[in-house]
Amino acid sequence: VVVSGGGTIGLVSAAAAIGMGARVIVVDPLAARRDVALRLGADVAIDPTDGGASERVREFTGGHGADLVIEASGHDASLAAAFDYAREDGRMSMVGINIGRKVPVLIGQIQMKNLTVRGCIAWCLARGHPFPGAYGYRSVADPDSRLCPDGCRRRLRVRPGSEQEHQDHSFERLIP
């Protein structure tokens, strides 16, 4: 499994894959995030800014590429590179938020590698529209909930200790 983007969503994705016994590669330009990934149990943490990330992924996977690529950053460079990390007949999960921007990608790799690509995003259950603020909009009246940025009164309940309390990367204190 390759996780491209070592922020909170990427690290949680990596931890889940590690917990299921997968060999995991985390790709992130920030050394602190790569360090956390290794402390979580990732097999390899790669800095994509050196230009050799795709080659290192292939090297670690015996020349094949990853069975599963989780694009968790939404950054243009990560989105463009994610297709390079996947093996033929591989799967991709696009969870990084990039709504409304165009990114230059060699999109033909989907066909050439016969990739299965899935995406996901939080949705407002009240009105059925994308809810990109699921982790970013707090109700003043109820600080343990999130409001849809469109003003829906439907709330997404969150537990204390969840992502919104760790935006400053203090979540790292929870990792052995």
C-alpha atoms as a PDB file:
ATOM      1  CA  VAL A   1       0.000   0.000   0.000  1.00  0.00           C
ATOM      2  CA  VAL A   2       1.281   3.454  -0.908  1.00  0.00           C
ATOM      3  CA  VAL A   3      -0.165   6.404   0.984  1.00  0.00           C
ATOM      4  CA  SER A   4       0.582   9.652  -0.812  1.00  0.00           C
ATOM      5  CA  GLY A   5       0.225  12.414   1.742  1.00  0.00           C
ATOM      6  CA  GLY A   6       1.186  11.965   5.383  1.00  0.00           C
ATOM      7  CA  GLY A   7      -1.257  14.361   7.011  1.00  0.00           C
ATOM      8  CA  THR A   8      -3.855  13.157   9.481  1.00  0.00           C
ATOM      9  CA  ILE A   9      -5.975  11.296   6.919  1.00  0.00           C
ATOM     10  CA  GLY A  10      -2.921   9.752   5.292  1.00  0.00           C
ATOM     11  CA  LEU A  11      -1.399   8.633   8.584  1.00  0.00           C
ATOM     12  CA  VAL A  12      -4.687   7.140   9.771  1.00  0.00           C
ATOM     13  CA  SER A  13      -4.954   5.331   6.424  1.00  0.00           C
ATOM     14  CA  ALA A  14      -1.389   4.077   6.835  1.00  0.00           C
ATOM     15  CA  ALA A  15      -2.077   2.935  10.407  1.00  0.00           C
ATOM     16  CA  ALA A  16      -5.184   1.029   9.256  1.00  0.00           C
ATOM     17  CA  ALA A  17      -3.225  -0.708   6.490  1.00  0.00           C
ATOM     18  CA  ILE A  18      -0.384  -1.533   8.895  1.00  0.00           C
ATOM     19  CA  GLY A  19      -2.924  -2.905  11.364  1.00  0.00           C
ATOM     20  CA  MET A  20      -4.274  -5.211   8.646  1.00  0.00           C
ATOM     21  CA  GLY A  21      -0.785  -6.536   7.968  1.00  0.00           C
ATOM     22  CA  ALA A  22       0.012  -4.630   4.764  1.00  0.00           C
ATOM     23  CA  ARG A  23       3.462  -3.447   3.834  1.00  0.00           C
ATOM     24  CA  VAL A  24       3.114   0.338   3.698  1.00  0.00           C
ATOM     25  CA  ILE A  25       4.994   3.123   1.957  1.00  0.00           C
ATOM     26  CA  VAL A  26       4.184   6.723   2.918  1.00  0.00           C
ATOM     27  CA  VAL A  27       5.149   9.490   0.489  1.00  0.00           C
ATOM     28  CA  ASP A  28       5.292  13.008   1.942  1.00  0.00           C
ATOM     29  CA  PRO A  29       7.644  15.980   1.529  1.00  0.00           C
ATOM     30  CA  LEU A  30       7.696  16.815   5.259  1.00  0.00           C
ATOM     31  CA  ALA A  31      10.314  14.986   7.326  1.00  0.00           C
ATOM     32  CA  ALA A  32       8.205  15.152  10.506  1.00  0.00           C
ATOM     33  CA  ARG A  33       5.333  13.343   8.796  1.00  0.00           C
ATOM     34  CA  ARG A  34       7.653  10.712   7.356  1.00  0.00           C
ATOM     35  CA  ASP A  35       9.090  10.172  10.833  1.00  0.00           C
ATOM     36  CA  VAL A  36       5.621   9.682  12.314  1.00  0.00           C
ATOM     37  CA  ALA A  37       4.789   7.215   9.529  1.00  0.00           C
ATOM     38  CA  LEU A  38       7.859   5.154  10.378  1.00  0.00           C
ATOM     39  CA  ARG A  39       7.018   5.265  14.093  1.00  0.00           C
ATOM     40  CA  LEU A  40       3.542   3.970  13.219  1.00  0.00           C
ATOM     41  CA  GLY A  41       5.154   1.005  11.484  1.00  0.00           C
ATOM     42  CA  ALA A  42       5.374   2.019   7.826  1.00  0.00           C
ATOM     43  CA  ASP A  43       8.053   0.030   6.031  1.00  0.00           C
ATOM     44  CA  VAL A  44       9.313   2.983   4.009  1.00  0.00           C
ATOM     45  CA  ALA A  45       8.795   6.744   4.049  1.00  0.00           C
ATOM     46  CA  ILE A  46       9.762   8.584   0.867  1.00  0.00           C
ATOM     47  CA  ASP A  47      10.452  12.250   0.202  1.00  0.00           C
ATOM     48  CA  PRO A  48       8.896  12.980  -3.218  1.00  0.00           C
ATOM     49  CA  THR A  49      10.844  16.219  -3.695  1.00  0.00           C
ATOM     50  CA  ASP A  50      14.020  14.349  -4.659  1.00  0.00           C
ATOM     51  CA  GLY A  51      12.369  13.214  -7.892  1.00  0.00           C
ATOM     52  CA  GLY A  52      12.809   9.488  -7.352  1.00  0.00           C
ATOM     53  CA  ALA A  53       9.616   8.510  -5.523  1.00  0.00           C
ATOM     54  CA  SER A  54       8.167   6.374  -8.323  1.00  0.00           C
ATOM     55  CA  GLU A  55      11.424   4.474  -8.728  1.00  0.00           C
ATOM     56  CA  ARG A  56      11.669   3.853  -4.968  1.00  0.00           C
ATOM     57  CA  VAL A  57       8.079   2.553  -4.882  1.00  0.00           C
ATOM     58  CA  ARG A  58       8.837   0.167  -7.756  1.00  0.00           C
ATOM     59  CA  GLU A  59      12.078  -0.901  -6.055  1.00  0.00           C
ATOM     60  CA  PHE A  60      10.286  -1.664  -2.781  1.00  0.00           C
ATOM     61  CA  THR A  61       7.513  -3.552  -4.595  1.00  0.00           C
ATOM     62  CA  GLY A  62       9.803  -5.758  -6.661  1.00  0.00           C
ATOM     63  CA  GLY A  63       9.370  -3.646  -9.778  1.00  0.00           C
ATOM     64  CA  HIS A  64       5.575  -3.969  -9.875  1.00  0.00           C
ATOM     65  CA  GLY A  65       4.133  -0.936  -8.076  1.00  0.00           C
ATOM     66  CA  ALA A  66       1.587  -0.913  -5.268  1.00  0.00           C
ATOM     67  CA  ASP A  67      -1.551  -3.050  -5.111  1.00  0.00           C
ATOM     68  CA  LEU A  68      -3.347  -0.078  -3.557  1.00  0.00           C
ATOM     69  CA  VAL A  69      -2.528   3.638  -3.692  1.00  0.00           C
ATOM     70  CA  ILE A  70      -4.305   5.979  -1.305  1.00  0.00           C
ATOM     71  CA  GLU A  71      -3.975   9.597  -2.465  1.00  0.00           C
ATOM     72  CA  ALA A  72      -4.596  11.495   0.765  1.00  0.00           C
ATOM     73  CA  SER A  73      -3.111  14.943   0.200  1.00  0.00           C
ATOM     74  CA  GLY A  74      -5.078  16.524  -2.631  1.00  0.00           C
ATOM     75  CA  HIS A  75      -1.920  18.397  -3.625  1.00  0.00           C
ATOM     76  CA  ASP A  76      -1.413  18.760  -7.376  1.00  0.00           C
ATOM     77  CA  ALA A  77       1.987  17.024  -7.362  1.00  0.00           C
ATOM     78  CA  SER A  78       0.682  14.130  -5.279  1.00  0.00           C
ATOM     79  CA  LEU A  79      -2.349  13.679  -7.518  1.00  0.00           C
ATOM     80  CA  ALA A  80      -0.159  13.663 -10.613  1.00  0.00           C
ATOM     81  CA  ALA A  81       2.325  11.165  -9.148  1.00  0.00           C
ATOM     82  CA  ALA A  82      -0.180   8.779  -7.546  1.00  0.00           C
ATOM     83  CA  PHE A  83      -0.904   6.975 -10.824  1.00  0.00           C
ATOM     84  CA  ASP A  84       2.821   6.219 -11.184  1.00  0.00           C
ATOM     85  CA  TYR A  85       2.842   4.327  -7.869  1.00  0.00           C
ATOM     86  CA  ALA A  86       0.159   1.785  -8.831  1.00  0.00           C
ATOM     87  CA  ARG A  87       0.857  -1.627 -10.348  1.00  0.00           C
ATOM     88  CA  GLU A  88      -0.956  -3.009 -13.349  1.00  0.00           C
ATOM     89  CA  ASP A  89      -4.501  -4.024 -12.313  1.00  0.00           C
ATOM     90  CA  GLY A  90      -3.981  -1.996  -9.127  1.00  0.00           C
ATOM     91  CA  ARG A  91      -6.486   0.005  -7.128  1.00  0.00           C
ATOM     92  CA  MET A  92      -6.517   3.670  -6.196  1.00  0.00           C
ATOM     93  CA  SER A  93      -8.485   5.477  -3.531  1.00  0.00           C
ATOM     94  CA  MET A  94      -8.657   9.235  -4.025  1.00  0.00           C
ATOM     95  CA  VAL A  95      -9.455  10.809  -0.650  1.00  0.00           C
ATOM     96  CA  GLY A  96      -7.364  13.984  -0.805  1.00  0.00           C
ATOM     97  CA  ILE A  97      -9.523  17.055  -1.309  1.00  0.00           C
ATOM     98  CA  ASN A  98      -9.041  18.791  -4.665  1.00  0.00           C
ATOM     99  CA  ILE A  99     -12.364  20.163  -5.758  1.00  0.00           C
ATOM    100  CA  GLY A 100     -12.560  22.554  -8.689  1.00  0.00           C
ATOM    101  CA  ARG A 101      -8.905  22.545  -9.726  1.00  0.00           C
ATOM    102  CA  LYS A 102      -7.466  21.046 -12.883  1.00  0.00           C
ATOM    103  CA  VAL A 103      -4.306  18.986 -12.442  1.00  0.00           C
ATOM    104  CA  PRO A 104      -2.039  17.770 -15.247  1.00  0.00           C
ATOM    105  CA  VAL A 105      -2.094  13.984 -14.957  1.00  0.00           C
ATOM    106  CA  LEU A 106      -1.210  11.204 -17.373  1.00  0.00           C
ATOM    107  CA  ILE A 107      -4.781   9.987 -17.147  1.00  0.00           C
ATOM    108  CA  GLY A 108      -4.183   7.298 -19.758  1.00  0.00           C
ATOM    109  CA  GLN A 109      -2.458   5.276 -17.037  1.00  0.00           C
ATOM    110  CA  ILE A 110      -5.917   4.286 -15.816  1.00  0.00           C
ATOM    111  CA  GLN A 111      -6.483   2.412 -19.066  1.00  0.00           C
ATOM    112  CA  MET A 112      -2.893   1.339 -19.680  1.00  0.00           C
ATOM    113  CA  LYS A 113      -2.602  -0.182 -16.191  1.00  0.00           C
ATOM    114  CA  ASN A 114      -6.255  -1.257 -15.988  1.00  0.00           C
ATOM    115  CA  LEU A 115      -6.617   0.626 -12.692  1.00  0.00           C
ATOM    116  CA  THR A 116      -9.684   0.687 -10.495  1.00  0.00           C
ATOM    117  CA  VAL A 117     -10.043   4.244  -9.179  1.00  0.00           C
ATOM    118  CA  ARG A 118     -12.481   5.213  -6.433  1.00  0.00           C
ATOM    119  CA  GLY A 119     -13.059   8.529  -4.729  1.00  0.00           C
ATOM    120  CA  CYS A 120     -14.815   9.558  -1.571  1.00  0.00           C
ATOM    121  CA  ILE A 121     -15.755  12.692   0.327  1.00  0.00           C
ATOM    122  CA  ALA A 122     -18.012  13.482   3.272  1.00  0.00           C
ATOM    123  CA  TRP A 123     -21.591  14.332   2.291  1.00  0.00           C
ATOM    124  CA  CYS A 124     -24.224  16.502   3.882  1.00  0.00           C
ATOM    125  CA  LEU A 125     -26.979  14.014   4.725  1.00  0.00           C
ATOM    126  CA  ALA A 126     -29.619  16.727   5.004  1.00  0.00           C
ATOM    127  CA  ARG A 127     -29.282  18.084   1.460  1.00  0.00           C
ATOM    128  CA  GLY A 128     -27.208  15.436  -0.288  1.00  0.00           C
ATOM    129  CA  HIS A 129     -24.370  17.684  -1.435  1.00  0.00           C
ATOM    130  CA  PRO A 130     -20.584  17.416  -0.916  1.00  0.00           C
ATOM    131  CA  PHE A 131     -19.526  18.411   2.560  1.00  0.00           C
ATOM    132  CA  PRO A 132     -15.824  19.327   2.234  1.00  0.00           C
ATOM    133  CA  GLY A 133     -15.990  21.072   5.604  1.00  0.00           C
ATOM    134  CA  ALA A 134     -16.697  17.901   7.527  1.00  0.00           C
ATOM    135  CA  TYR A 135     -13.478  18.451   9.439  1.00  0.00           C
ATOM    136  CA  GLY A 136     -13.368  22.216   9.390  1.00  0.00           C
ATOM    137  CA  TYR A 137     -16.624  23.858  10.503  1.00  0.00           C
ATOM    138  CA  ARG A 138     -17.462  24.005  14.166  1.00  0.00           C
ATOM    139  CA  SER A 139     -20.804  24.989  15.655  1.00  0.00           C
ATOM    140  CA  VAL A 140     -20.393  27.695  18.277  1.00  0.00           C
ATOM    141  CA  ALA A 141     -23.418  26.352  20.152  1.00  0.00           C
ATOM    142  CA  ASP A 142     -22.117  22.775  20.091  1.00  0.00           C
ATOM    143  CA  PRO A 143     -18.308  22.634  19.773  1.00  0.00           C
ATOM    144  CA  ASP A 144     -18.384  18.831  19.511  1.00  0.00           C
ATOM    145  CA  SER A 145     -20.199  18.989  16.174  1.00  0.00           C
ATOM    146  CA  ARG A 146     -19.529  20.205  12.654  1.00  0.00           C
ATOM    147  CA  LEU A 147     -21.917  22.211  10.526  1.00  0.00           C
ATOM    148  CA  CYS A 148     -22.238  21.983   6.796  1.00  0.00           C
ATOM    149  CA  PRO A 149     -20.674  25.147   5.301  1.00  0.00           C
ATOM    150  CA  ASP A 150     -23.909  25.640   3.370  1.00  0.00           C
ATOM    151  CA  GLY A 151     -25.749  26.327   6.612  1.00  0.00           C
ATOM    152  CA  CYS A 152     -27.581  23.019   6.965  1.00  0.00           C
ATOM    153  CA  ARG A 153     -28.552  22.291  10.535  1.00  0.00           C
ATOM    154  CA  ARG A 154     -27.529  18.663  10.156  1.00  0.00           C
ATOM    155  CA  ARG A 155     -24.498  17.982  12.325  1.00  0.00           C
ATOM    156  CA  LEU A 156     -21.668  15.514  12.065  1.00  0.00           C
ATOM    157  CA  ARG A 157     -20.890  14.320  15.580  1.00  0.00           C
ATOM    158  CA  VAL A 158     -17.251  14.028  16.490  1.00  0.00           C
ATOM    159  CA  ARG A 159     -15.661  12.604  19.605  1.00  0.00           C
ATOM    160  CA  PRO A 160     -13.226  14.460  21.863  1.00  0.00           C
ATOM    161  CA  GLY A 161      -9.706  13.598  20.785  1.00  0.00           C
ATOM    162  CA  SER A 162     -10.648  13.357  17.140  1.00  0.00           C
ATOM    163  CA  GLU A 163      -9.033  15.140  14.220  1.00  0.00           C
ATOM    164  CA  GLN A 164     -10.289  18.675  14.837  1.00  0.00           C
ATOM    165  CA  GLU A 165      -8.451  18.839  18.154  1.00  0.00           C
ATOM    166  CA  HIS A 166      -5.187  17.896  16.488  1.00  0.00           C
ATOM    167  CA  GLN A 167      -4.941  20.334  13.582  1.00  0.00           C
ATOM    168  CA  ASP A 168      -1.683  21.632  15.073  1.00  0.00           C
ATOM    169  CA  HIS A 169      -0.131  18.156  14.740  1.00  0.00           C
ATOM    170  CA  SER A 170      -0.444  17.526  18.469  1.00  0.00           C
ATOM    171  CA  PHE A 171      -1.869  14.141  17.386  1.00  0.00           C
ATOM    172  CA  GLU A 172       1.767  13.065  17.208  1.00  0.00           C
ATOM    173  CA  ARG A 173       1.792  12.857  21.013  1.00  0.00           C
ATOM    174  CA  LEU A 174      -0.622   9.918  20.709  1.00  0.00           C
ATOM    175  CA  ILE A 175       1.831   7.861  18.656  1.00  0.00           C
ATOM    176  CA  PRO A 176       4.353   5.625  20.423  1.00  0.00           C
END
